[in-house]
């Protein structure tokens, strides 16, 4: 028989059996109701359920969830959209923490299987021809800027900070001008929009969805923190990407 799952948030405890599900968000209909006044949380942010193994799925149309494994490494669990990875993830660690980042607070749900997890059925990506394979490899200069911008996402929990750095902060860190940073980021964003990734189009600030897509698709990761800060910023050319 499949193992039960224990869910803990603050002083609340829930035990789920296969066939049961748990929802969380700020709506009164959720099994776990988070702060109803925090509009940074979706009404129904996510669901924990069993489908060949325990899974977490993002039910929000706007807000990303963040899953932390037993080693402290976090990965965004994005909204479901064409060109993005699946919005469901298996609970395949002894302890998995789901972070729900609101405006007032970041809430943490700790998921603990009562026994060693089964081999779960992991949902297939939304797009079998991943846009990750349709984009050209990042240049070292592009990667340096994107890693600096996503630096908070790459730090292990509890130092994980799911907020992209500003263009000015990235420029100061790498010894570049703000214009150089913006142009490198925009080059990558335009490339992904052309490849069919939604949520990055338009003239608005796309730093957050860009960081979270790159992280969820594992285009950049924690290992990038060990790379040199910037390859030869003094010779950036007219605007080398």
C-alpha atoms as a PDB file:
ATOM      1  CA  UNK A   1       0.000   0.000   0.000  1.00  0.00           C
ATOM      2  CA  UNK A   2       1.235   3.487  -0.797  1.00  0.00           C
ATOM      3  CA  UNK A   3       2.623   5.551   2.055  1.00  0.00           C
ATOM      4  CA  UNK A   4       0.684   8.348   3.697  1.00  0.00           C
ATOM      5  CA  UNK A   5       1.973  11.897   3.521  1.00  0.00           C
ATOM      6  CA  UNK A   6       2.351  14.282   6.449  1.00  0.00           C
ATOM      7  CA  UNK A   7       1.909  17.995   5.741  1.00  0.00           C
ATOM      8  CA  UNK A   8       2.988  20.619   8.272  1.00  0.00           C
ATOM      9  CA  UNK A   9       2.677  24.402   8.221  1.00  0.00           C
ATOM     10  CA  UNK A  10       3.407  26.221  11.470  1.00  0.00           C
ATOM     11  CA  UNK A  11       1.282  24.465  14.112  1.00  0.00           C
ATOM     12  CA  UNK A  12      -1.077  22.823  11.603  1.00  0.00           C
ATOM     13  CA  UNK A  13      -0.683  19.120  10.829  1.00  0.00           C
ATOM     14  CA  UNK A  14      -2.448  17.117   8.115  1.00  0.00           C
ATOM     15  CA  UNK A  15      -2.079  13.453   7.189  1.00  0.00           C
ATOM     16  CA  UNK A  16      -3.057  12.426   3.644  1.00  0.00           C
ATOM     17  CA  UNK A  17      -3.800   8.936   2.379  1.00  0.00           C
ATOM     18  CA  UNK A  18      -3.785   7.951  -1.303  1.00  0.00           C
ATOM     19  CA  UNK A  19      -7.038   9.177  -2.783  1.00  0.00           C
ATOM     20  CA  UNK A  20      -7.040  12.291  -0.603  1.00  0.00           C
ATOM     21  CA  UNK A  21      -5.836  15.746  -1.645  1.00  0.00           C
ATOM     22  CA  UNK A  22      -4.938  18.986   0.074  1.00  0.00           C
ATOM     23  CA  UNK A  23      -5.245  22.493  -1.361  1.00  0.00           C
ATOM     24  CA  UNK A  24      -3.627  25.658  -0.070  1.00  0.00           C
ATOM     25  CA  UNK A  25      -4.113  29.362  -0.733  1.00  0.00           C
ATOM     26  CA  UNK A  26      -5.931  32.374   0.721  1.00  0.00           C
ATOM     27  CA  UNK A  27      -9.459  31.243  -0.148  1.00  0.00           C
ATOM     28  CA  UNK A  28     -11.688  29.854   2.595  1.00  0.00           C
ATOM     29  CA  UNK A  29     -12.349  26.747   0.476  1.00  0.00           C
ATOM     30  CA  UNK A  30      -8.695  25.608   0.746  1.00  0.00           C
ATOM     31  CA  UNK A  31      -7.716  22.808   3.121  1.00  0.00           C
ATOM     32  CA  UNK A  32      -4.886  25.019   4.376  1.00  0.00           C
ATOM     33  CA  UNK A  33      -5.916  28.655   4.344  1.00  0.00           C
ATOM     34  CA  UNK A  34      -2.997  31.040   4.309  1.00  0.00           C
ATOM     35  CA  UNK A  35      -3.291  34.736   5.117  1.00  0.00           C
ATOM     36  CA  UNK A  36      -6.581  35.827   3.526  1.00  0.00           C
ATOM     37  CA  UNK A  37      -5.417  39.454   3.470  1.00  0.00           C
ATOM     38  CA  UNK A  38      -2.135  38.783   1.610  1.00  0.00           C
ATOM     39  CA  UNK A  39      -2.981  39.498  -2.033  1.00  0.00           C
ATOM     40  CA  UNK A  40       0.408  38.179  -3.108  1.00  0.00           C
ATOM     41  CA  UNK A  41      -1.013  34.678  -2.577  1.00  0.00           C
ATOM     42  CA  UNK A  42      -3.416  33.192  -5.105  1.00  0.00           C
ATOM     43  CA  UNK A  43      -6.882  32.221  -3.945  1.00  0.00           C
ATOM     44  CA  UNK A  44      -5.982  28.591  -4.654  1.00  0.00           C
ATOM     45  CA  UNK A  45      -2.209  28.450  -4.954  1.00  0.00           C
ATOM     46  CA  UNK A  46      -1.587  24.720  -5.212  1.00  0.00           C
ATOM     47  CA  UNK A  47      -2.612  21.153  -4.500  1.00  0.00           C
ATOM     48  CA  UNK A  48      -0.953  18.065  -3.023  1.00  0.00           C
ATOM     49  CA  UNK A  49      -2.365  14.764  -4.292  1.00  0.00           C
ATOM     50  CA  UNK A  50      -1.497  11.151  -5.101  1.00  0.00           C
ATOM     51  CA  UNK A  51      -1.113   9.875  -8.678  1.00  0.00           C
ATOM     52  CA  UNK A  52       1.190   6.873  -8.653  1.00  0.00           C
ATOM     53  CA  UNK A  53       3.162   8.825  -6.053  1.00  0.00           C
ATOM     54  CA  UNK A  54       2.721  12.065  -4.166  1.00  0.00           C
ATOM     55  CA  UNK A  55       2.715  15.186  -6.330  1.00  0.00           C
ATOM     56  CA  UNK A  56       2.541  18.957  -5.897  1.00  0.00           C
ATOM     57  CA  UNK A  57       0.903  21.021  -8.616  1.00  0.00           C
ATOM     58  CA  UNK A  58       0.703  24.774  -9.082  1.00  0.00           C
ATOM     59  CA  UNK A  59      -2.925  25.847  -9.553  1.00  0.00           C
ATOM     60  CA  UNK A  60      -2.238  29.577  -9.781  1.00  0.00           C
ATOM     61  CA  UNK A  61      -2.464  31.394 -13.100  1.00  0.00           C
ATOM     62  CA  UNK A  62      -0.027  34.080 -11.968  1.00  0.00           C
ATOM     63  CA  UNK A  63       2.081  32.999  -8.999  1.00  0.00           C
ATOM     64  CA  UNK A  64       5.040  30.652  -8.946  1.00  0.00           C
ATOM     65  CA  UNK A  65       5.538  28.113  -6.158  1.00  0.00           C
ATOM     66  CA  UNK A  66       9.014  27.104  -5.010  1.00  0.00           C
ATOM     67  CA  UNK A  67      10.011  23.541  -4.041  1.00  0.00           C
ATOM     68  CA  UNK A  68      12.949  22.955  -1.710  1.00  0.00           C
ATOM     69  CA  UNK A  69      14.507  19.497  -1.591  1.00  0.00           C
ATOM     70  CA  UNK A  70      16.118  17.785   1.410  1.00  0.00           C
ATOM     71  CA  UNK A  71      19.459  19.396   0.554  1.00  0.00           C
ATOM     72  CA  UNK A  72      18.111  22.942   0.612  1.00  0.00           C
ATOM     73  CA  UNK A  73      18.117  23.507  -3.136  1.00  0.00           C
ATOM     74  CA  UNK A  74      15.004  25.232  -4.455  1.00  0.00           C
ATOM     75  CA  UNK A  75      13.382  25.090  -7.885  1.00  0.00           C
ATOM     76  CA  UNK A  76      10.496  27.238  -9.129  1.00  0.00           C
ATOM     77  CA  UNK A  77       7.283  25.393  -9.905  1.00  0.00           C
ATOM     78  CA  UNK A  78       5.816  27.727 -12.527  1.00  0.00           C
ATOM     79  CA  UNK A  79       2.283  28.264 -13.716  1.00  0.00           C
ATOM     80  CA  UNK A  80       1.090  26.006 -16.532  1.00  0.00           C
ATOM     81  CA  UNK A  81       1.794  27.630 -19.895  1.00  0.00           C
ATOM     82  CA  UNK A  82       2.857  26.547 -23.357  1.00  0.00           C
ATOM     83  CA  UNK A  83       6.623  26.288 -23.623  1.00  0.00           C
ATOM     84  CA  UNK A  84       7.077  25.946 -19.870  1.00  0.00           C
ATOM     85  CA  UNK A  85       7.889  22.782 -17.907  1.00  0.00           C
ATOM     86  CA  UNK A  86       5.129  20.850 -16.200  1.00  0.00           C
ATOM     87  CA  UNK A  87       3.465  22.664 -13.305  1.00  0.00           C
ATOM     88  CA  UNK A  88       3.494  19.433 -11.248  1.00  0.00           C
ATOM     89  CA  UNK A  89       6.446  17.918  -9.419  1.00  0.00           C
ATOM     90  CA  UNK A  90       6.927  14.638  -7.588  1.00  0.00           C
ATOM     91  CA  UNK A  91       7.513  14.586  -3.830  1.00  0.00           C
ATOM     92  CA  UNK A  92      10.592  12.423  -4.174  1.00  0.00           C
ATOM     93  CA  UNK A  93      12.674  13.504  -1.162  1.00  0.00           C
ATOM     94  CA  UNK A  94      12.303  12.554   2.529  1.00  0.00           C
ATOM     95  CA  UNK A  95      11.355  16.181   3.148  1.00  0.00           C
ATOM     96  CA  UNK A  96      10.074  18.588   0.517  1.00  0.00           C
ATOM     97  CA  UNK A  97       9.225  22.170   1.426  1.00  0.00           C
ATOM     98  CA  UNK A  98       6.763  24.151  -0.677  1.00  0.00           C
ATOM     99  CA  UNK A  99       7.345  27.901  -0.428  1.00  0.00           C
ATOM    100  CA  UNK A 100       4.428  30.226  -1.169  1.00  0.00           C
ATOM    101  CA  UNK A 101       5.816  33.738  -1.499  1.00  0.00           C
ATOM    102  CA  UNK A 102       3.236  36.380  -0.631  1.00  0.00           C
ATOM    103  CA  UNK A 103       3.576  40.136  -0.273  1.00  0.00           C
ATOM    104  CA  UNK A 104       3.668  40.022   3.522  1.00  0.00           C
ATOM    105  CA  UNK A 105       5.364  36.691   4.191  1.00  0.00           C
ATOM    106  CA  UNK A 106       6.747  33.521   2.617  1.00  0.00           C
ATOM    107  CA  UNK A 107       4.781  30.506   3.855  1.00  0.00           C
ATOM    108  CA  UNK A 108       6.372  27.052   4.056  1.00  0.00           C
ATOM    109  CA  UNK A 109       4.531  23.726   3.813  1.00  0.00           C
ATOM    110  CA  UNK A 110       6.727  20.764   4.772  1.00  0.00           C
ATOM    111  CA  UNK A 111       5.785  17.475   3.068  1.00  0.00           C
ATOM    112  CA  UNK A 112       7.081  14.277   4.645  1.00  0.00           C
ATOM    113  CA  UNK A 113       6.160  10.798   3.372  1.00  0.00           C
ATOM    114  CA  UNK A 114       5.538   8.381   6.248  1.00  0.00           C
ATOM    115  CA  UNK A 115       7.831   5.886   4.523  1.00  0.00           C
ATOM    116  CA  UNK A 116      10.310   5.921   1.678  1.00  0.00           C
ATOM    117  CA  UNK A 117       8.566   7.366  -1.381  1.00  0.00           C
ATOM    118  CA  UNK A 118       7.559   5.098  -4.221  1.00  0.00           C
ATOM    119  CA  UNK A 119       8.823   5.596  -7.727  1.00  0.00           C
ATOM    120  CA  UNK A 120       6.356   8.289  -8.781  1.00  0.00           C
ATOM    121  CA  UNK A 121       4.730   8.839 -12.114  1.00  0.00           C
ATOM    122  CA  UNK A 122       6.166  12.169 -13.185  1.00  0.00           C
ATOM    123  CA  UNK A 123       3.914  14.110 -15.576  1.00  0.00           C
ATOM    124  CA  UNK A 124       5.328  14.772 -19.028  1.00  0.00           C
ATOM    125  CA  UNK A 125       6.293  18.359 -19.900  1.00  0.00           C
ATOM    126  CA  UNK A 126       3.630  20.520 -21.490  1.00  0.00           C
ATOM    127  CA  UNK A 127       5.647  20.732 -24.691  1.00  0.00           C
ATOM    128  CA  UNK A 128       7.502  17.510 -25.666  1.00  0.00           C
ATOM    129  CA  UNK A 129       9.727  19.608 -27.936  1.00  0.00           C
ATOM    130  CA  UNK A 130      11.116  21.694 -25.139  1.00  0.00           C
ATOM    131  CA  UNK A 131      11.880  25.279 -25.988  1.00  0.00           C
ATOM    132  CA  UNK A 132      15.077  24.722 -24.058  1.00  0.00           C
ATOM    133  CA  UNK A 133      16.277  22.789 -27.102  1.00  0.00           C
ATOM    134  CA  UNK A 134      15.088  25.505 -29.476  1.00  0.00           C
ATOM    135  CA  UNK A 135      17.156  28.296 -27.969  1.00  0.00           C
ATOM    136  CA  UNK A 136      20.823  28.787 -28.699  1.00  0.00           C
ATOM    137  CA  UNK A 137      23.278  28.203 -25.884  1.00  0.00           C
ATOM    138  CA  UNK A 138      23.805  31.186 -23.620  1.00  0.00           C
ATOM    139  CA  UNK A 139      27.023  33.066 -24.235  1.00  0.00           C
ATOM    140  CA  UNK A 140      29.319  33.415 -21.207  1.00  0.00           C
ATOM    141  CA  UNK A 141      28.390  37.109 -20.948  1.00  0.00           C
ATOM    142  CA  UNK A 142      24.663  36.399 -21.085  1.00  0.00           C
ATOM    143  CA  UNK A 143      25.023  33.643 -18.503  1.00  0.00           C
ATOM    144  CA  UNK A 144      26.990  35.922 -16.152  1.00  0.00           C
ATOM    145  CA  UNK A 145      24.244  38.559 -16.236  1.00  0.00           C
ATOM    146  CA  UNK A 146      21.398  36.068 -15.829  1.00  0.00           C
ATOM    147  CA  UNK A 147      23.110  34.271 -12.944  1.00  0.00           C
ATOM    148  CA  UNK A 148      23.721  37.595 -11.198  1.00  0.00           C
ATOM    149  CA  UNK A 149      20.064  38.515 -11.721  1.00  0.00           C
ATOM    150  CA  UNK A 150      18.826  35.128 -10.409  1.00  0.00           C
ATOM    151  CA  UNK A 151      21.408  34.880  -7.628  1.00  0.00           C
ATOM    152  CA  UNK A 152      18.834  34.841  -4.831  1.00  0.00           C
ATOM    153  CA  UNK A 153      17.073  31.840  -6.400  1.00  0.00           C
ATOM    154  CA  UNK A 154      20.346  29.866  -6.488  1.00  0.00           C
ATOM    155  CA  UNK A 155      21.142  30.106  -2.782  1.00  0.00           C
ATOM    156  CA  UNK A 156      20.084  27.160  -0.602  1.00  0.00           C
ATOM    157  CA  UNK A 157      17.082  27.520   1.709  1.00  0.00           C
ATOM    158  CA  UNK A 158      16.642  29.319   4.128  1.00  0.00           C
ATOM    159  CA  UNK A 159      18.759  31.878   2.256  1.00  0.00           C
ATOM    160  CA  UNK A 160      16.721  31.274  -0.898  1.00  0.00           C
ATOM    161  CA  UNK A 161      15.309  34.583  -2.133  1.00  0.00           C
ATOM    162  CA  UNK A 162      12.823  34.233  -5.035  1.00  0.00           C
ATOM    163  CA  UNK A 163      13.229  37.800  -6.263  1.00  0.00           C
ATOM    164  CA  UNK A 164      15.352  38.823  -9.246  1.00  0.00           C
ATOM    165  CA  UNK A 165      18.000  41.474  -8.718  1.00  0.00           C
ATOM    166  CA  UNK A 166      17.462  44.833 -10.407  1.00  0.00           C
ATOM    167  CA  UNK A 167      19.380  45.856 -13.526  1.00  0.00           C
ATOM    168  CA  UNK A 168      21.300  48.404 -11.444  1.00  0.00           C
ATOM    169  CA  UNK A 169      22.256  45.789  -8.840  1.00  0.00           C
ATOM    170  CA  UNK A 170      23.480  43.412 -11.555  1.00  0.00           C
ATOM    171  CA  UNK A 171      25.442  46.188 -13.272  1.00  0.00           C
ATOM    172  CA  UNK A 172      27.125  47.174 -10.018  1.00  0.00           C
ATOM    173  CA  UNK A 173      27.976  43.574  -9.164  1.00  0.00           C
ATOM    174  CA  UNK A 174      29.537  42.835 -12.565  1.00  0.00           C
ATOM    175  CA  UNK A 175      31.139  46.191 -13.249  1.00  0.00           C
ATOM    176  CA  UNK A 176      28.934  46.866 -16.265  1.00  0.00           C
ATOM    177  CA  UNK A 177      26.662  49.675 -17.310  1.00  0.00           C
ATOM    178  CA  UNK A 178      22.917  49.308 -16.853  1.00  0.00           C
ATOM    179  CA  UNK A 179      22.515  49.490 -20.641  1.00  0.00           C
ATOM    180  CA  UNK A 180      24.833  46.526 -21.144  1.00  0.00           C
ATOM    181  CA  UNK A 181      22.867  44.478 -18.622  1.00  0.00           C
ATOM    182  CA  UNK A 182      19.493  45.354 -20.150  1.00  0.00           C
ATOM    183  CA  UNK A 183      20.665  44.534 -23.672  1.00  0.00           C
ATOM    184  CA  UNK A 184      22.010  41.124 -22.677  1.00  0.00           C
ATOM    185  CA  UNK A 185      18.809  40.240 -20.819  1.00  0.00           C
ATOM    186  CA  UNK A 186      16.629  41.511 -23.667  1.00  0.00           C
ATOM    187  CA  UNK A 187      18.568  39.439 -26.211  1.00  0.00           C
ATOM    188  CA  UNK A 188      17.740  36.267 -24.282  1.00  0.00           C
ATOM    189  CA  UNK A 189      14.124  37.279 -23.695  1.00  0.00           C
ATOM    190  CA  UNK A 190      13.543  38.030 -27.384  1.00  0.00           C
ATOM    191  CA  UNK A 191      15.078  34.688 -28.335  1.00  0.00           C
ATOM    192  CA  UNK A 192      12.744  32.801 -26.017  1.00  0.00           C
ATOM    193  CA  UNK A 193       9.671  34.707 -27.192  1.00  0.00           C
ATOM    194  CA  UNK A 194      10.604  33.774 -30.765  1.00  0.00           C
ATOM    195  CA  UNK A 195      10.875  30.132 -29.632  1.00  0.00           C
ATOM    196  CA  UNK A 196       7.305  30.241 -28.301  1.00  0.00           C
ATOM    197  CA  UNK A 197       7.759  30.781 -24.559  1.00  0.00           C
ATOM    198  CA  UNK A 198       4.738  32.686 -23.248  1.00  0.00           C
ATOM    199  CA  UNK A 199       4.757  35.214 -20.449  1.00  0.00           C
ATOM    200  CA  UNK A 200       7.888  36.986 -21.675  1.00  0.00           C
ATOM    201  CA  UNK A 201       6.366  39.081 -24.437  1.00  0.00           C
ATOM    202  CA  UNK A 202       5.432  42.756 -24.221  1.00  0.00           C
ATOM    203  CA  UNK A 203       7.207  45.806 -22.926  1.00  0.00           C
ATOM    204  CA  UNK A 204       6.796  45.127 -19.190  1.00  0.00           C
ATOM    205  CA  UNK A 205       9.390  43.920 -16.710  1.00  0.00           C
ATOM    206  CA  UNK A 206       9.988  40.250 -17.533  1.00  0.00           C
ATOM    207  CA  UNK A 207      12.854  39.632 -15.094  1.00  0.00           C
ATOM    208  CA  UNK A 208      10.872  37.365 -12.762  1.00  0.00           C
ATOM    209  CA  UNK A 209       9.290  35.067 -15.402  1.00  0.00           C
ATOM    210  CA  UNK A 210      12.589  34.976 -17.301  1.00  0.00           C
ATOM    211  CA  UNK A 211      14.543  33.877 -14.209  1.00  0.00           C
ATOM    212  CA  UNK A 212      11.920  31.321 -13.252  1.00  0.00           C
ATOM    213  CA  UNK A 213      11.690  29.814 -16.743  1.00  0.00           C
ATOM    214  CA  UNK A 214      15.481  29.463 -16.986  1.00  0.00           C
ATOM    215  CA  UNK A 215      15.648  27.899 -13.517  1.00  0.00           C
ATOM    216  CA  UNK A 216      12.700  25.559 -14.009  1.00  0.00           C
ATOM    217  CA  UNK A 217      14.179  24.355 -17.305  1.00  0.00           C
ATOM    218  CA  UNK A 218      17.605  24.040 -15.603  1.00  0.00           C
ATOM    219  CA  UNK A 219      19.256  26.312 -18.144  1.00  0.00           C
ATOM    220  CA  UNK A 220      21.007  27.927 -15.185  1.00  0.00           C
ATOM    221  CA  UNK A 221      21.559  26.388 -11.769  1.00  0.00           C
ATOM    222  CA  UNK A 222      23.428  26.563  -8.479  1.00  0.00           C
ATOM    223  CA  UNK A 223      26.663  25.360 -10.125  1.00  0.00           C
ATOM    224  CA  UNK A 224      26.753  28.645 -12.043  1.00  0.00           C
ATOM    225  CA  UNK A 225      27.519  30.496  -8.801  1.00  0.00           C
ATOM    226  CA  UNK A 226      31.047  29.062  -8.991  1.00  0.00           C
ATOM    227  CA  UNK A 227      31.690  30.562 -12.434  1.00  0.00           C
ATOM    228  CA  UNK A 228      33.723  33.775 -12.834  1.00  0.00           C
ATOM    229  CA  UNK A 229      31.582  36.860 -12.199  1.00  0.00           C
ATOM    230  CA  UNK A 230      31.937  38.241 -15.738  1.00  0.00           C
ATOM    231  CA  UNK A 231      34.202  37.301 -18.644  1.00  0.00           C
ATOM    232  CA  UNK A 232      36.194  40.430 -19.489  1.00  0.00           C
ATOM    233  CA  UNK A 233      33.607  43.170 -18.926  1.00  0.00           C
ATOM    234  CA  UNK A 234      36.066  45.832 -20.061  1.00  0.00           C
ATOM    235  CA  UNK A 235      35.927  44.496 -23.611  1.00  0.00           C
ATOM    236  CA  UNK A 236      32.202  44.253 -24.036  1.00  0.00           C
ATOM    237  CA  UNK A 237      32.310  45.630 -27.554  1.00  0.00           C
ATOM    238  CA  UNK A 238      29.510  47.707 -29.056  1.00  0.00           C
ATOM    239  CA  UNK A 239      27.124  45.412 -27.245  1.00  0.00           C
ATOM    240  CA  UNK A 240      28.357  41.857 -27.347  1.00  0.00           C
ATOM    241  CA  UNK A 241      25.586  39.593 -25.990  1.00  0.00           C
END
